[in-house]
Structures are given as structure tokens and as C-alpha cells.
Amino acid sequence: MRTVFRPPDPLGVVELLAFFDVAVNYMDHSIRANRREDGLYHSYNLMKVDGDRIVIRRLYEMLEGQVAALSSGALLARDSVALLDALRSSSLYRADQNSYVLYPDRKLPGFLEKNNIPAAAIAQSKTLAAMIERGDRRIVVRI
């Protein structure tokens, strides 16, 4: 016996319009829920599953998130004005250029600040501990 793929019945116009209404409501809610206390909007949320919990970490402010919120159609006129005022007061505004930057100027950790392995982690790795003891510097270097 041969199995033949049969596509599902097509959605009717009424069902499709109802789906779009639900989707737009969820997107509008998501935009409103991402309003920051300073009046800007979170651009990206990073989700991490931690056991039976979901932990959300938000990134720093970005111009693209503000543009997305403004152009979404989800904001009322007064909300758009408030966002524009907040944007002018934010670290995204460069007064010397009378313009905006994509990302705020931030001090990022250097290579040696980021790429450190805690001593306890080295102790748990027989391979890394042995390499350090032999003076083998191909993977890790003790400084």
C-alpha cells in the first residue's frame, strides 16, 4: 500500500482573518511589554531554559529596537512622542553630530579579561591540569 500526502483543507478567509487578529494582538502586547523604564524599548530578549524555568536576559539599548517600535503601528501618538523624547535623552543620541548611533558607546572587556578559566575548572580537567604541569601552552597559558 502506498501512502500519499494529502494537504490539509485550506483555511477560509474568516479563519485566516481571525488568526491575523490574534497574531497582531500578541505582537502589540510584546512591544508594550518590552517598554523600558527610561521610555525606550528592549530590542532583543535572550531566553535560557533553566530547569523548569525560563530566564529572560535583555540586551542593551539599540536604535533598531526604537525604530521597530515606532514603525510597528502598535504605539499611540503620545507613546511615539514619549519614545522620541526618551531617545533624545538616551546614550544613543550624539549631540556633537545631532544624530543617533546604532549602539551606545560601551567599554567592552578585553581578550585577557574575558578568556579566563577559573582554577577550580582547570583542577576538574585532568587534560588541562596535565598540560599546564608539563608546560604545554597549546590550549591554556597560566599568567
C-alpha atoms as a PDB file:
ATOM      1  CA  MET A   1       0.000   0.000   0.000  1.00  0.00           C
ATOM      2  CA  ARG A   2       1.307   3.431  -0.920  1.00  0.00           C
ATOM      3  CA  THR A   3       0.872   6.483   1.316  1.00  0.00           C
ATOM      4  CA  VAL A   4       0.004   9.657  -0.495  1.00  0.00           C
ATOM      5  CA  PHE A   5       0.428  13.067   1.082  1.00  0.00           C
ATOM      6  CA  ARG A   6      -2.824  14.965   1.254  1.00  0.00           C
ATOM      7  CA  PRO A   7      -2.548  18.632   2.218  1.00  0.00           C
ATOM      8  CA  PRO A   8      -4.943  19.849   4.902  1.00  0.00           C
ATOM      9  CA  ASP A   9      -8.107  21.600   3.912  1.00  0.00           C
ATOM     10  CA  PRO A  10      -7.389  25.224   3.094  1.00  0.00           C
ATOM     11  CA  LEU A  11      -8.303  27.853   5.643  1.00  0.00           C
ATOM     12  CA  GLY A  12     -11.260  30.014   4.870  1.00  0.00           C
ATOM     13  CA  VAL A  13     -10.994  33.788   4.744  1.00  0.00           C
ATOM     14  CA  VAL A  14     -12.796  34.151   8.084  1.00  0.00           C
ATOM     15  CA  GLU A  15     -10.396  31.772   9.877  1.00  0.00           C
ATOM     16  CA  LEU A  16      -7.371  33.450   8.311  1.00  0.00           C
ATOM     17  CA  LEU A  17      -8.537  36.934   9.333  1.00  0.00           C
ATOM     18  CA  ALA A  18      -9.198  35.680  12.890  1.00  0.00           C
ATOM     19  CA  PHE A  19      -5.675  34.235  13.018  1.00  0.00           C
ATOM     20  CA  PHE A  20      -4.188  37.570  11.871  1.00  0.00           C
ATOM     21  CA  ASP A  21      -6.146  39.424  14.569  1.00  0.00           C
ATOM     22  CA  VAL A  22      -4.743  37.134  17.270  1.00  0.00           C
ATOM     23  CA  ALA A  23      -1.193  37.418  15.880  1.00  0.00           C
ATOM     24  CA  VAL A  24      -1.325  41.235  15.758  1.00  0.00           C
ATOM     25  CA  ASN A  25      -2.655  41.369  19.330  1.00  0.00           C
ATOM     26  CA  TYR A  26       0.243  39.221  20.557  1.00  0.00           C
ATOM     27  CA  MET A  27       2.799  41.325  18.658  1.00  0.00           C
ATOM     28  CA  ASP A  28       1.338  44.567  20.018  1.00  0.00           C
ATOM     29  CA  HIS A  29       1.397  43.126  23.550  1.00  0.00           C
ATOM     30  CA  SER A  30       5.023  42.046  23.082  1.00  0.00           C
ATOM     31  CA  ILE A  31       6.034  45.566  22.061  1.00  0.00           C
ATOM     32  CA  ARG A  32       4.234  47.144  25.030  1.00  0.00           C
ATOM     33  CA  ALA A  33       5.741  44.568  27.428  1.00  0.00           C
ATOM     34  CA  ASN A  34       9.241  45.497  26.244  1.00  0.00           C
ATOM     35  CA  ARG A  35       8.977  49.172  27.177  1.00  0.00           C
ATOM     36  CA  ARG A  36      11.861  50.077  29.447  1.00  0.00           C
ATOM     37  CA  GLU A  37      11.640  52.367  32.485  1.00  0.00           C
ATOM     38  CA  ASP A  38      13.644  55.030  30.618  1.00  0.00           C
ATOM     39  CA  GLY A  39      10.996  55.142  27.863  1.00  0.00           C
ATOM     40  CA  LEU A  40      12.998  53.180  25.282  1.00  0.00           C
ATOM     41  CA  TYR A  41      12.137  49.657  24.125  1.00  0.00           C
ATOM     42  CA  HIS A  42      14.142  46.470  24.503  1.00  0.00           C
ATOM     43  CA  SER A  43      15.408  45.357  21.118  1.00  0.00           C
ATOM     44  CA  TYR A  44      16.319  41.757  21.879  1.00  0.00           C
ATOM     45  CA  ASN A  45      15.498  39.272  24.608  1.00  0.00           C
ATOM     46  CA  LEU A  46      17.632  36.192  25.136  1.00  0.00           C
ATOM     47  CA  MET A  47      15.818  33.172  26.539  1.00  0.00           C
ATOM     48  CA  LYS A  48      17.518  30.476  28.599  1.00  0.00           C
ATOM     49  CA  VAL A  49      15.796  27.364  29.901  1.00  0.00           C
ATOM     50  CA  ASP A  50      16.945  26.711  33.474  1.00  0.00           C
ATOM     51  CA  GLY A  51      15.357  23.527  34.790  1.00  0.00           C
ATOM     52  CA  ASP A  52      11.635  24.184  34.841  1.00  0.00           C
ATOM     53  CA  ARG A  53      12.077  27.955  34.494  1.00  0.00           C
ATOM     54  CA  ILE A  54      12.665  30.281  31.592  1.00  0.00           C
ATOM     55  CA  VAL A  55      15.077  33.127  32.288  1.00  0.00           C
ATOM     56  CA  ILE A  56      14.957  36.213  30.064  1.00  0.00           C
ATOM     57  CA  ARG A  57      18.035  38.396  29.660  1.00  0.00           C
ATOM     58  CA  ARG A  58      17.695  41.671  27.834  1.00  0.00           C
ATOM     59  CA  LEU A  59      20.420  43.321  25.795  1.00  0.00           C
ATOM     60  CA  TYR A  60      21.451  46.958  25.991  1.00  0.00           C
ATOM     61  CA  GLU A  61      19.538  49.650  24.110  1.00  0.00           C
ATOM     62  CA  MET A  62      19.782  49.664  20.326  1.00  0.00           C
ATOM     63  CA  LEU A  63      18.489  52.132  17.776  1.00  0.00           C
ATOM     64  CA  GLU A  64      16.889  49.402  15.675  1.00  0.00           C
ATOM     65  CA  GLY A  65      14.588  48.460  18.559  1.00  0.00           C
ATOM     66  CA  GLN A  66      13.351  52.037  18.814  1.00  0.00           C
ATOM     67  CA  VAL A  67      12.780  52.258  15.060  1.00  0.00           C
ATOM     68  CA  ALA A  68      10.937  48.931  15.136  1.00  0.00           C
ATOM     69  CA  ALA A  69       8.659  50.122  17.946  1.00  0.00           C
ATOM     70  CA  LEU A  70       7.988  53.435  16.169  1.00  0.00           C
ATOM     71  CA  SER A  71       7.203  51.801  12.824  1.00  0.00           C
ATOM     72  CA  SER A  72       5.158  48.910  14.246  1.00  0.00           C
ATOM     73  CA  GLY A  73       1.882  50.808  14.428  1.00  0.00           C
ATOM     74  CA  ALA A  74       1.419  49.494  17.977  1.00  0.00           C
ATOM     75  CA  LEU A  75       2.176  52.825  19.680  1.00  0.00           C
ATOM     76  CA  LEU A  76      -0.308  55.602  20.167  1.00  0.00           C
ATOM     77  CA  ALA A  77       0.802  59.065  19.032  1.00  0.00           C
ATOM     78  CA  ARG A  78       1.576  60.114  22.620  1.00  0.00           C
ATOM     79  CA  ASP A  79       3.666  56.952  23.109  1.00  0.00           C
ATOM     80  CA  SER A  80       5.636  57.708  19.945  1.00  0.00           C
ATOM     81  CA  VAL A  81       6.323  61.260  21.157  1.00  0.00           C
ATOM     82  CA  ALA A  82       7.436  59.904  24.548  1.00  0.00           C
ATOM     83  CA  LEU A  83       9.774  57.456  22.812  1.00  0.00           C
ATOM     84  CA  LEU A  84      11.266  60.203  20.658  1.00  0.00           C
ATOM     85  CA  ASP A  85      11.825  62.348  23.764  1.00  0.00           C
ATOM     86  CA  ALA A  86      13.442  59.409  25.584  1.00  0.00           C
ATOM     87  CA  LEU A  87      15.595  58.681  22.544  1.00  0.00           C
ATOM     88  CA  ARG A  88      16.936  62.247  22.527  1.00  0.00           C
ATOM     89  CA  SER A  89      17.893  61.848  26.216  1.00  0.00           C
ATOM     90  CA  SER A  90      19.483  58.433  25.733  1.00  0.00           C
ATOM     91  CA  SER A  91      23.044  57.293  25.129  1.00  0.00           C
ATOM     92  CA  LEU A  92      22.029  56.633  21.516  1.00  0.00           C
ATOM     93  CA  TYR A  93      21.952  60.370  20.791  1.00  0.00           C
ATOM     94  CA  ARG A  94      25.173  62.113  19.713  1.00  0.00           C
ATOM     95  CA  ALA A  95      24.776  65.842  20.361  1.00  0.00           C
ATOM     96  CA  ASP A  96      28.042  66.613  18.541  1.00  0.00           C
ATOM     97  CA  GLN A  97      26.565  65.121  15.361  1.00  0.00           C
ATOM     98  CA  ASN A  98      22.924  65.964  16.098  1.00  0.00           C
ATOM     99  CA  SER A  99      22.211  62.354  15.177  1.00  0.00           C
ATOM    100  CA  TYR A 100      21.837  58.871  16.598  1.00  0.00           C
ATOM    101  CA  VAL A 101      24.179  55.887  16.808  1.00  0.00           C
ATOM    102  CA  LEU A 102      23.146  52.273  16.367  1.00  0.00           C
ATOM    103  CA  TYR A 103      24.574  51.205  19.724  1.00  0.00           C
ATOM    104  CA  PRO A 104      25.746  53.194  22.742  1.00  0.00           C
ATOM    105  CA  ASP A 105      29.475  53.606  23.261  1.00  0.00           C
ATOM    106  CA  ARG A 106      30.373  50.888  25.750  1.00  0.00           C
ATOM    107  CA  LYS A 107      33.590  49.701  27.379  1.00  0.00           C
ATOM    108  CA  LEU A 108      33.919  46.070  26.432  1.00  0.00           C
ATOM    109  CA  PRO A 109      36.160  43.644  28.303  1.00  0.00           C
ATOM    110  CA  GLY A 110      39.421  42.859  26.537  1.00  0.00           C
ATOM    111  CA  PHE A 111      40.632  39.443  25.464  1.00  0.00           C
ATOM    112  CA  LEU A 112      42.551  38.759  28.677  1.00  0.00           C
ATOM    113  CA  GLU A 113      39.586  39.831  30.810  1.00  0.00           C
ATOM    114  CA  LYS A 114      37.132  37.520  29.031  1.00  0.00           C
ATOM    115  CA  ASN A 115      39.152  34.421  28.360  1.00  0.00           C
ATOM    116  CA  ASN A 116      39.998  33.216  31.843  1.00  0.00           C
ATOM    117  CA  ILE A 117      39.352  29.730  33.156  1.00  0.00           C
ATOM    118  CA  PRO A 118      38.751  29.523  36.902  1.00  0.00           C
ATOM    119  CA  ALA A 119      41.333  27.462  38.784  1.00  0.00           C
ATOM    120  CA  ALA A 120      38.568  25.133  40.026  1.00  0.00           C
ATOM    121  CA  ALA A 121      37.604  24.327  36.420  1.00  0.00           C
ATOM    122  CA  ILE A 122      41.227  23.618  35.494  1.00  0.00           C
ATOM    123  CA  ALA A 123      41.511  21.303  38.507  1.00  0.00           C
ATOM    124  CA  GLN A 124      38.484  19.337  37.280  1.00  0.00           C
ATOM    125  CA  SER A 125      40.088  18.731  33.881  1.00  0.00           C
ATOM    126  CA  LYS A 126      42.837  16.121  34.008  1.00  0.00           C
ATOM    127  CA  THR A 127      43.909  17.038  30.483  1.00  0.00           C
ATOM    128  CA  LEU A 128      44.259  20.777  31.099  1.00  0.00           C
ATOM    129  CA  ALA A 129      45.902  20.274  34.506  1.00  0.00           C
ATOM    130  CA  ALA A 130      48.440  17.864  32.982  1.00  0.00           C
ATOM    131  CA  MET A 131      49.171  20.245  30.089  1.00  0.00           C
ATOM    132  CA  ILE A 132      49.843  23.118  32.494  1.00  0.00           C
ATOM    133  CA  GLU A 133      52.073  20.907  34.622  1.00  0.00           C
ATOM    134  CA  ARG A 134      54.103  19.859  31.535  1.00  0.00           C
ATOM    135  CA  GLY A 135      54.368  23.462  30.382  1.00  0.00           C
ATOM    136  CA  ASP A 136      52.318  22.683  27.246  1.00  0.00           C
ATOM    137  CA  ARG A 137      50.879  26.071  26.181  1.00  0.00           C
ATOM    138  CA  ARG A 138      48.860  24.968  23.112  1.00  0.00           C
ATOM    139  CA  ILE A 139      45.443  25.431  24.755  1.00  0.00           C
ATOM    140  CA  VAL A 140      45.893  27.236  28.069  1.00  0.00           C
ATOM    141  CA  VAL A 141      48.544  29.565  29.427  1.00  0.00           C
ATOM    142  CA  ARG A 142      48.958  30.347  33.108  1.00  0.00           C
ATOM    143  CA  ILE A 143      49.745  34.034  33.580  1.00  0.00           C
END
